[in-house]
Protein backbone atom coordinates (compact mmCIF):
# COMPACT_ATOMS: atom_id res chain seq x y z
CA UNK A 1 0.00 0.00 0.00
CA UNK A 2 1.11 3.47 -0.67
CA UNK A 3 1.54 6.01 2.06
CA UNK A 4 -1.45 8.03 0.80
CA UNK A 5 -3.77 4.99 0.80
CA UNK A 6 -2.64 4.03 4.32
CA UNK A 7 -3.46 7.55 5.52
CA UNK A 8 -6.96 7.36 4.00
CA UNK A 9 -7.60 3.97 5.62
CA UNK A 10 -6.37 5.25 8.99
CA UNK A 11 -8.59 8.35 8.80
CA UNK A 12 -11.61 6.27 7.75
CA UNK A 13 -11.04 3.88 10.66
CA UNK A 14 -10.84 6.78 13.09
CA UNK A 15 -14.07 8.30 11.76
CA UNK A 16 -15.93 4.97 11.98
CA UNK A 17 -14.69 4.32 15.51
CA UNK A 18 -15.64 7.84 16.58
CA UNK A 19 -19.18 7.43 15.23
CA UNK A 20 -20.10 4.38 17.28
CA UNK A 21 -23.17 4.74 19.45
CA UNK A 22 -22.68 5.44 23.12
CA UNK A 23 -25.67 4.86 25.39
CA UNK A 24 -29.14 3.44 24.74
CA UNK A 25 -30.73 3.77 21.34
CA UNK A 26 -34.44 3.36 20.59
CA UNK A 27 -35.16 0.09 18.86
CA UNK A 28 -32.27 -1.85 20.37
CA UNK A 29 -33.18 -4.74 22.69
CA UNK A 30 -33.38 -3.65 26.31
CA UNK A 31 -33.87 0.05 25.60
CA UNK A 32 -37.09 2.06 25.64
CA UNK A 33 -38.57 3.20 22.35
CA UNK A 34 -39.08 6.71 23.68
CA UNK A 35 -37.82 8.58 26.70
CA UNK A 36 -40.21 11.02 28.36
CA UNK A 37 -38.89 14.50 28.97
CA UNK A 38 -38.52 15.42 32.63
CA UNK A 39 -41.19 17.66 34.09
CA UNK A 40 -40.06 20.45 36.37
CA UNK A 41 -43.49 21.09 37.80
CA UNK A 42 -46.73 19.22 37.38
CA UNK A 43 -49.64 21.08 35.86
CA UNK A 44 -53.04 20.78 37.49
CA UNK A 45 -56.42 22.28 36.73
CA UNK A 46 -57.92 24.57 39.36
CA UNK A 47 -60.70 27.11 39.61
CA UNK A 48 -59.58 30.73 39.31
CA UNK A 49 -60.79 32.50 42.49
CA UNK A 50 -59.15 35.87 41.86
CA UNK A 51 -56.74 37.76 39.61
CA UNK A 52 -53.84 39.98 40.71
CA UNK A 53 -52.68 42.50 38.13
CA UNK A 54 -50.70 42.45 36.01
CA UNK A 55 -50.21 38.68 35.47
CA UNK A 56 -51.24 36.41 38.35
CA UNK A 57 -54.19 34.04 38.67
CA UNK A 58 -55.10 32.85 42.18
CA UNK A 59 -56.76 29.50 42.94
CA UNK A 60 -59.14 28.63 45.78
CA UNK A 61 -56.33 27.04 47.84
CA UNK A 62 -54.21 30.20 47.59
CA UNK A 63 -51.80 28.89 44.98
CA UNK A 64 -50.91 31.19 42.11
CA UNK A 65 -50.01 31.00 38.45
CA UNK A 66 -48.27 33.70 36.41
CA UNK A 67 -49.45 34.02 32.82
CA UNK A 68 -48.99 36.26 29.81
CA UNK A 69 -50.97 39.49 29.46
CA UNK A 70 -53.27 38.05 26.79
CA UNK A 71 -54.08 34.95 28.88
CA UNK A 72 -54.63 37.10 31.98
CA UNK A 73 -57.11 39.32 30.12
CA UNK A 74 -58.97 36.35 28.62
CA UNK A 75 -59.28 34.29 31.82
CA UNK A 76 -62.51 34.76 33.78
CA UNK A 77 -62.86 34.40 37.54
CA UNK A 78 -64.62 31.10 38.23
CA UNK A 79 -63.18 29.40 35.15
CA UNK A 80 -61.03 26.26 35.26
CA UNK A 81 -57.39 26.83 34.31
CA UNK A 82 -54.55 24.32 33.78
CA UNK A 83 -51.20 25.59 35.02
CA UNK A 84 -48.13 24.69 37.15
CA UNK A 85 -49.74 26.28 40.24
CA UNK A 86 -47.28 27.49 42.89
CA UNK A 87 -48.40 26.91 46.51
CA UNK A 88 -49.19 30.02 48.50
CA UNK A 89 -51.04 31.16 51.60
CA UNK A 90 -54.65 30.05 51.97
CA UNK A 91 -57.04 32.36 50.17
CA UNK A 92 -59.78 34.05 52.17
CA UNK A 93 -63.23 32.46 51.86
CA UNK A 94 -65.75 33.89 49.39
């Protein structure tokens, strides 16, 4: 083999070795087909008891949810809203 051909073979071998799969791959035996993305906070649906301007919805249990201006304006008190509610102090009774 010539020096040039040996260099090409060596580079090709390095590329192939560097492209091997590390870690689980979907479709291989013993690995899941899909991996769920982690959830930072769980979303729940609660009744909106009050609204605090400019962007906070308040649930019956006192938890709150910050939303965009358009969502804040469109959400009615008494409606059900799905959000990652953040615990807060107990809300006063109606």
